[in-house]
Protein backbone atom coordinates (compact mmCIF):
# COMPACT_ATOMS: atom_id res chain seq x y z
CA MET A 1 -8.55 -3.13 4.63
CA GLU A 2 -7.44 -6.47 5.91
CA LYS A 3 -7.42 -7.84 9.33
CA SER A 4 -4.81 -10.43 10.32
CA ALA A 5 -6.15 -13.91 11.31
CA ASP A 6 -6.03 -12.85 15.31
CA GLY A 7 -7.42 -9.60 14.72
CA ARG A 8 -4.94 -7.56 16.04
CA LEU A 9 -3.30 -6.12 12.94
CA ILE A 10 -4.98 -4.18 9.94
CA TYR A 11 -3.37 -3.94 6.74
CA ALA A 12 -4.22 -1.89 3.59
CA VAL A 13 -3.71 -4.02 0.59
CA GLY A 14 -3.86 -3.63 -3.14
CA THR A 15 -2.04 -4.03 -6.42
CA VAL A 16 0.51 -2.30 -8.33
CA ARG A 17 1.25 -3.37 -11.91
CA ASN A 18 4.59 -2.86 -13.93
CA SER A 19 2.94 -2.18 -17.52
CA SER A 20 6.27 -0.94 -18.80
CA ASP A 21 8.77 -3.38 -20.65
CA HIS A 22 11.72 -2.91 -18.05
CA GLU A 23 12.30 -3.52 -14.27
CA ARG A 24 11.54 -1.04 -12.02
CA PHE A 25 13.40 -0.54 -8.47
CA GLY A 26 12.74 0.66 -5.01
CA VAL A 27 8.96 1.03 -5.60
CA LYS A 28 7.24 2.39 -2.52
CA VAL A 29 3.68 3.14 -2.23
CA ASP A 30 2.50 5.83 0.02
CA LEU A 31 -1.33 5.43 1.22
CA ASP A 32 -3.39 8.01 3.24
CA VAL A 33 -5.39 6.17 5.66
CA LEU A 34 -9.00 7.02 5.97
CA ASP A 35 -11.50 6.93 8.77
CA HIS A 36 -15.34 6.11 8.12
CA GLU A 37 -16.26 9.54 7.46
CA GLY A 38 -13.52 9.80 4.99
CA ASP A 39 -11.05 11.87 6.97
CA LYS A 40 -7.35 11.42 6.77
CA ILE A 41 -6.23 9.95 10.13
CA GLY A 42 -2.71 8.59 9.20
CA SER A 43 -0.65 6.92 6.63
CA ALA A 44 0.96 3.63 5.52
CA THR A 45 3.76 2.37 3.26
CA ASP A 46 4.93 -0.71 1.58
CA TYR A 47 7.88 -1.15 -0.55
CA THR A 48 9.21 -3.59 -2.75
CA GLN A 49 12.93 -3.83 -4.18
CA VAL A 50 11.96 -5.07 -7.85
CA LEU A 51 9.05 -5.17 -9.76
CA GLU A 52 9.46 -7.17 -12.96
CA PRO A 53 7.78 -6.01 -16.31
CA GLU A 54 4.41 -6.64 -16.76
CA LYS A 55 4.01 -8.29 -13.41
CA GLU A 56 1.89 -7.15 -10.28
CA TRP A 57 2.70 -6.48 -6.90
CA LYS A 58 0.34 -7.08 -4.03
CA PHE A 59 1.36 -4.81 -1.24
CA ARG A 60 0.29 -4.88 2.04
CA ALA A 61 0.91 -1.95 4.19
CA LEU A 62 0.43 -1.95 8.31
CA VAL A 63 -2.13 0.32 9.41
CA THR A 64 -1.51 1.43 13.15
CA ASP A 65 -4.90 3.22 13.71
CA ARG A 66 -7.71 0.86 14.62
CA LYS A 67 -10.51 3.25 13.54
CA ALA A 68 -9.14 3.20 9.77
CA ALA A 69 -11.70 2.17 7.53
CA GLN A 70 -10.10 2.78 4.14
CA ALA A 71 -7.06 3.61 2.41
CA LYS A 72 -6.34 5.73 -0.86
CA LEU A 73 -3.11 5.65 -2.84
CA ALA A 74 -1.41 9.03 -2.06
CA ASP A 75 2.00 8.49 -4.11
CA ILE A 76 3.99 5.83 -5.64
CA LYS A 77 7.60 6.40 -6.22
CA GLU A 78 10.60 4.64 -7.46
CA GLU A 79 13.95 5.07 -6.03
CA ASN A 80 16.76 6.13 -8.60
């Protein structure tokens, strides 16, 4: 979890790596947002149009619940 400089916004951040030898298109991460007890209190998503082969994408998904303590990867998809 990362707070913006002014402290008003919270982001779930992480890295996805394309370890294949071809481009991935329309990559979307779905995250479960958890409170301090580990209970799911919401979700967050981020999207990139293209993820090049052997490259990393540093996603940054906006979290809307101020009680959020952590995020867990729920799903990662590629659009067809």
